Protein backbone atom coordinates (compact mmCIF):
# COMPACT_ATOMS: atom_id res chain seq x y z
CA MET A 1 25.92 -17.38 -9.25
CA GLU A 2 29.59 -16.54 -8.74
CA LYS A 3 31.98 -14.90 -11.17
CA ARG A 4 33.20 -16.91 -14.13
CA THR A 5 36.05 -19.30 -13.47
CA GLY A 6 37.47 -22.29 -15.30
CA LYS A 7 35.08 -24.52 -13.38
CA PHE A 8 32.15 -22.23 -14.15
CA GLU A 9 32.99 -22.46 -17.85
CA SER A 10 33.36 -26.25 -17.58
CA ILE A 11 29.89 -26.54 -16.03
CA VAL A 12 28.33 -24.27 -18.67
CA SER A 13 30.08 -26.10 -21.52
CA ALA A 14 29.07 -29.54 -20.18
CA ALA A 15 25.47 -28.47 -19.61
CA LYS A 16 25.22 -26.99 -23.10
CA LYS A 17 26.60 -30.16 -24.67
CA LEU A 18 24.14 -32.35 -22.75
CA PHE A 19 21.11 -30.04 -23.03
CA TRP A 20 21.63 -29.54 -26.77
CA LYS A 21 21.81 -33.31 -27.27
CA HIS A 22 19.17 -34.60 -24.82
CA GLY A 23 17.05 -31.60 -23.82
CA ILE A 24 16.81 -30.05 -20.36
CA ARG A 25 14.42 -32.39 -18.58
CA ARG A 26 16.33 -35.59 -19.25
CA VAL A 27 19.73 -34.31 -18.05
CA SER A 28 20.56 -34.41 -14.34
CA ILE A 29 22.92 -32.28 -12.27
CA GLU A 30 24.97 -35.43 -11.69
CA GLU A 31 25.44 -35.91 -15.45
CA ILE A 32 26.46 -32.27 -15.87
CA CYS A 33 28.99 -32.56 -13.03
CA GLN A 34 30.40 -35.78 -14.44
CA GLU A 35 30.76 -34.27 -17.92
CA ALA A 36 32.34 -31.10 -16.45
CA GLY A 37 34.66 -33.00 -14.13
CA VAL A 38 33.46 -31.13 -11.05
CA SER A 39 31.73 -32.06 -7.82
CA LYS A 40 28.09 -31.28 -7.14
CA MET A 41 29.26 -28.91 -4.40
CA THR A 42 31.32 -26.96 -6.94
CA CYS A 43 28.36 -26.86 -9.32
CA TYR A 44 26.08 -25.53 -6.58
CA LYS A 45 28.61 -22.79 -5.79
CA HIS A 46 27.91 -21.40 -9.26
CA PHE A 47 24.28 -22.38 -9.92
CA SER A 48 21.42 -23.03 -7.51
CA ASN A 49 19.96 -25.81 -9.68
CA LYS A 50 19.69 -27.25 -13.19
CA THR A 51 17.10 -24.65 -14.18
CA ALA A 52 19.53 -21.86 -13.30
CA ILE A 53 22.07 -23.40 -15.67
CA ALA A 54 19.47 -23.72 -18.44
CA LYS A 55 18.32 -20.15 -17.85
CA TYR A 56 21.89 -18.89 -18.05
CA LEU A 57 22.51 -20.77 -21.31
CA ILE A 58 19.28 -19.62 -22.95
CA GLU A 59 19.83 -15.99 -21.92
CA ASP A 60 23.43 -16.17 -23.16
CA LEU A 61 22.23 -17.67 -26.46
CA PHE A 62 19.67 -14.85 -26.76
CA GLU A 63 22.21 -12.10 -26.02
CA SER A 64 24.77 -13.43 -28.48
CA GLY A 65 22.01 -14.01 -31.05
CA VAL A 66 20.72 -10.45 -30.74
CA LYS A 67 24.25 -9.09 -31.07
CA ALA A 68 24.86 -11.14 -34.23
CA TYR A 69 21.40 -10.25 -35.60
CA LYS A 70 21.99 -6.52 -35.04
CA GLU A 71 25.42 -6.68 -36.69
CA ILE A 72 23.80 -8.19 -39.77
CA TYR A 73 20.75 -5.90 -39.68
CA ASN A 74 22.87 -2.74 -39.30
CA SER A 75 25.33 -3.73 -42.02
CA ASP A 76 25.44 -1.87 -45.31
CA ILE A 77 24.13 -4.68 -47.52
CA PRO A 78 20.81 -5.10 -49.38
CA TYR A 79 17.87 -6.18 -47.20
CA GLU A 80 17.49 -9.48 -49.06
CA GLU A 81 21.12 -10.33 -48.26
CA LYS A 82 20.46 -9.42 -44.61
CA VAL A 83 17.56 -11.88 -44.56
CA LYS A 84 19.75 -14.61 -46.07
CA ARG A 85 22.49 -14.02 -43.51
CA ILE A 86 20.00 -13.93 -40.63
CA LEU A 87 18.50 -17.22 -41.84
CA ASP A 88 22.00 -18.72 -42.10
CA MET A 89 22.74 -17.55 -38.56
CA LYS A 90 19.49 -19.07 -37.26
CA MET A 91 20.31 -22.35 -39.01
CA SER A 92 23.79 -22.35 -37.56
CA ASN A 93 22.32 -21.89 -34.06
CA ALA A 94 19.76 -24.63 -34.63
CA HIS A 95 22.23 -27.08 -36.20
CA GLU A 96 23.26 -28.83 -32.99
CA MET A 97 19.93 -28.55 -31.14
CA SER A 98 17.95 -31.72 -30.66
CA GLN A 99 14.17 -31.79 -30.97
CA GLU A 100 14.13 -32.61 -27.24
CA LEU A 101 15.80 -29.27 -26.49
CA VAL A 102 13.40 -27.37 -28.75
CA ASP A 103 10.47 -29.09 -27.01
CA ASP A 104 11.88 -28.32 -23.58
CA ILE A 105 12.45 -24.66 -24.41
CA TYR A 106 8.81 -24.26 -25.40
CA LYS A 107 7.15 -26.84 -23.15
CA TYR A 108 9.30 -27.07 -20.01
CA HIS A 109 7.06 -26.52 -17.00
CA ASP A 110 9.46 -24.66 -14.74
CA GLU A 111 8.17 -21.23 -13.77
CA GLU A 112 11.61 -19.58 -13.54
CA LEU A 113 12.70 -20.82 -16.96
CA PHE A 114 9.28 -20.10 -18.48
CA ASN A 115 9.39 -16.50 -17.20
CA SER A 116 12.91 -16.05 -18.54
CA ILE A 117 11.88 -17.32 -21.98
CA GLU A 118 8.79 -15.08 -21.97
CA ASN A 119 10.98 -12.05 -21.18
CA ILE A 120 13.29 -12.98 -24.03
CA LYS A 121 10.30 -13.27 -26.38
CA LYS A 122 9.08 -9.80 -25.35
CA LYS A 123 12.50 -8.29 -26.04
CA MET A 124 12.66 -10.00 -29.43
CA ILE A 125 9.16 -8.80 -30.30
CA THR A 126 10.22 -5.22 -29.67
CA ILE A 127 13.40 -5.61 -31.73
CA TYR A 128 11.64 -7.29 -34.67
CA LEU A 129 8.70 -4.89 -34.68
CA ASP A 130 11.01 -1.86 -34.72
CA ASP A 131 13.09 -3.42 -37.50
CA PHE A 132 10.02 -4.34 -39.60
CA ARG A 133 8.73 -0.78 -39.35
CA GLU A 134 12.13 0.66 -40.27
CA ALA A 135 12.45 -1.73 -43.24
CA GLN A 136 8.97 -0.71 -44.44
CA LYS A 137 9.90 2.98 -44.25
CA LYS A 138 12.98 2.26 -46.35
CA GLY A 139 10.92 0.26 -48.86
CA GLU A 140 12.87 -2.91 -48.10
CA ILE A 141 9.79 -4.97 -47.26
CA ARG A 142 6.17 -4.68 -48.35
CA SER A 143 4.41 -1.65 -46.91
CA ASP A 144 0.96 -3.21 -47.36
CA VAL A 145 1.52 -5.84 -44.65
CA ASN A 146 0.84 -4.80 -41.09
CA PRO A 147 4.02 -5.14 -38.98
CA GLU A 148 1.93 -6.44 -36.08
CA PHE A 149 0.66 -9.25 -38.35
CA MET A 150 4.23 -10.14 -39.30
CA LEU A 151 5.09 -10.21 -35.63
CA TYR A 152 2.01 -12.26 -34.78
CA PHE A 153 2.97 -14.76 -37.46
CA LEU A 154 6.56 -14.92 -36.18
CA SER A 155 5.37 -15.33 -32.58
CA ASN A 156 3.19 -18.27 -33.54
CA LEU A 157 6.02 -20.01 -35.32
CA THR A 158 7.23 -21.26 -31.94
CA GLU A 159 4.10 -23.39 -31.69
CA MET A 160 4.96 -24.93 -35.03
CA PHE A 161 8.40 -25.97 -33.75
CA THR A 162 6.78 -28.25 -31.16
CA ASP A 163 3.83 -29.48 -33.23
CA GLU A 164 4.29 -33.25 -33.40
CA LYS A 165 2.71 -33.54 -36.87
CA LEU A 166 5.12 -30.99 -38.30
CA VAL A 167 8.12 -32.37 -36.42
CA ARG A 168 7.53 -35.84 -37.92
CA ILE A 169 7.83 -34.41 -41.44
CA TYR A 170 11.47 -33.44 -40.91
CA PRO A 171 14.57 -35.49 -40.13
CA ASN A 172 15.91 -32.75 -37.80
CA PRO A 173 14.93 -29.39 -36.28
CA GLU A 174 17.36 -27.48 -38.48
CA GLN A 175 15.52 -28.38 -41.70
CA MET A 176 12.13 -27.63 -40.14
CA ILE A 177 13.25 -24.21 -38.88
CA SER A 178 14.79 -23.45 -42.28
CA ASP A 179 11.54 -24.19 -44.12
CA VAL A 180 9.40 -22.27 -41.62
CA LEU A 181 11.59 -19.16 -41.73
CA SER A 182 12.00 -19.35 -45.50
CA PHE A 183 8.23 -19.55 -45.86
CA PHE A 184 7.82 -16.53 -43.59
CA PHE A 185 10.24 -14.40 -45.59
CA TYR A 186 9.52 -15.61 -49.12
CA GLY A 187 6.07 -17.28 -49.16
CA ILE A 188 5.30 -19.98 -51.71
CA MET A 189 6.02 -18.03 -54.88
CA PRO A 190 9.28 -18.72 -56.75
CA HIS A 191 11.94 -16.30 -55.58
CA GLY A 192 11.90 -13.20 -57.77
CA ASN A 193 8.18 -13.43 -58.74
CA ARG A 194 6.85 -10.49 -56.79
């Protein structure tokens, strides 16, 4: 991949628009090039294939998401407000994603992309586990719940996002993700009944 140029940004922007709407598998290099207004040769100067573009976008999404998460987590506001802001951020990120993209992120059978996503998951696990432990020490979350269980639960949420029975319940991924994350943080009891 070469340094960022106007054409590089055009390719990335076009791919994101198409991937977020149709998923990764359905979109072709030709469609990305057409949307970006570049030739295939120009596209291949920057990316070796469609998977490389998807990998770049997902890693960029992860890096910007971690930065935003850490800004919220390290802010001087009550923990409950941090959770609300993190949930809002997650919903904002999920707002434009189609179910096809969510499925492709978790089910796409490309080894390079799969390995990239697995590495991202491992990094997130470390971040969340450290933050859960710190929050427990500060008394911000329950100390009687094992942080590894919380992490296990969070890790298995990804399977829920591609479960066809669950997906059919919701009109869009944003509402499904909102309910799943809200359930994780607040359970089924009315807010304030702890």
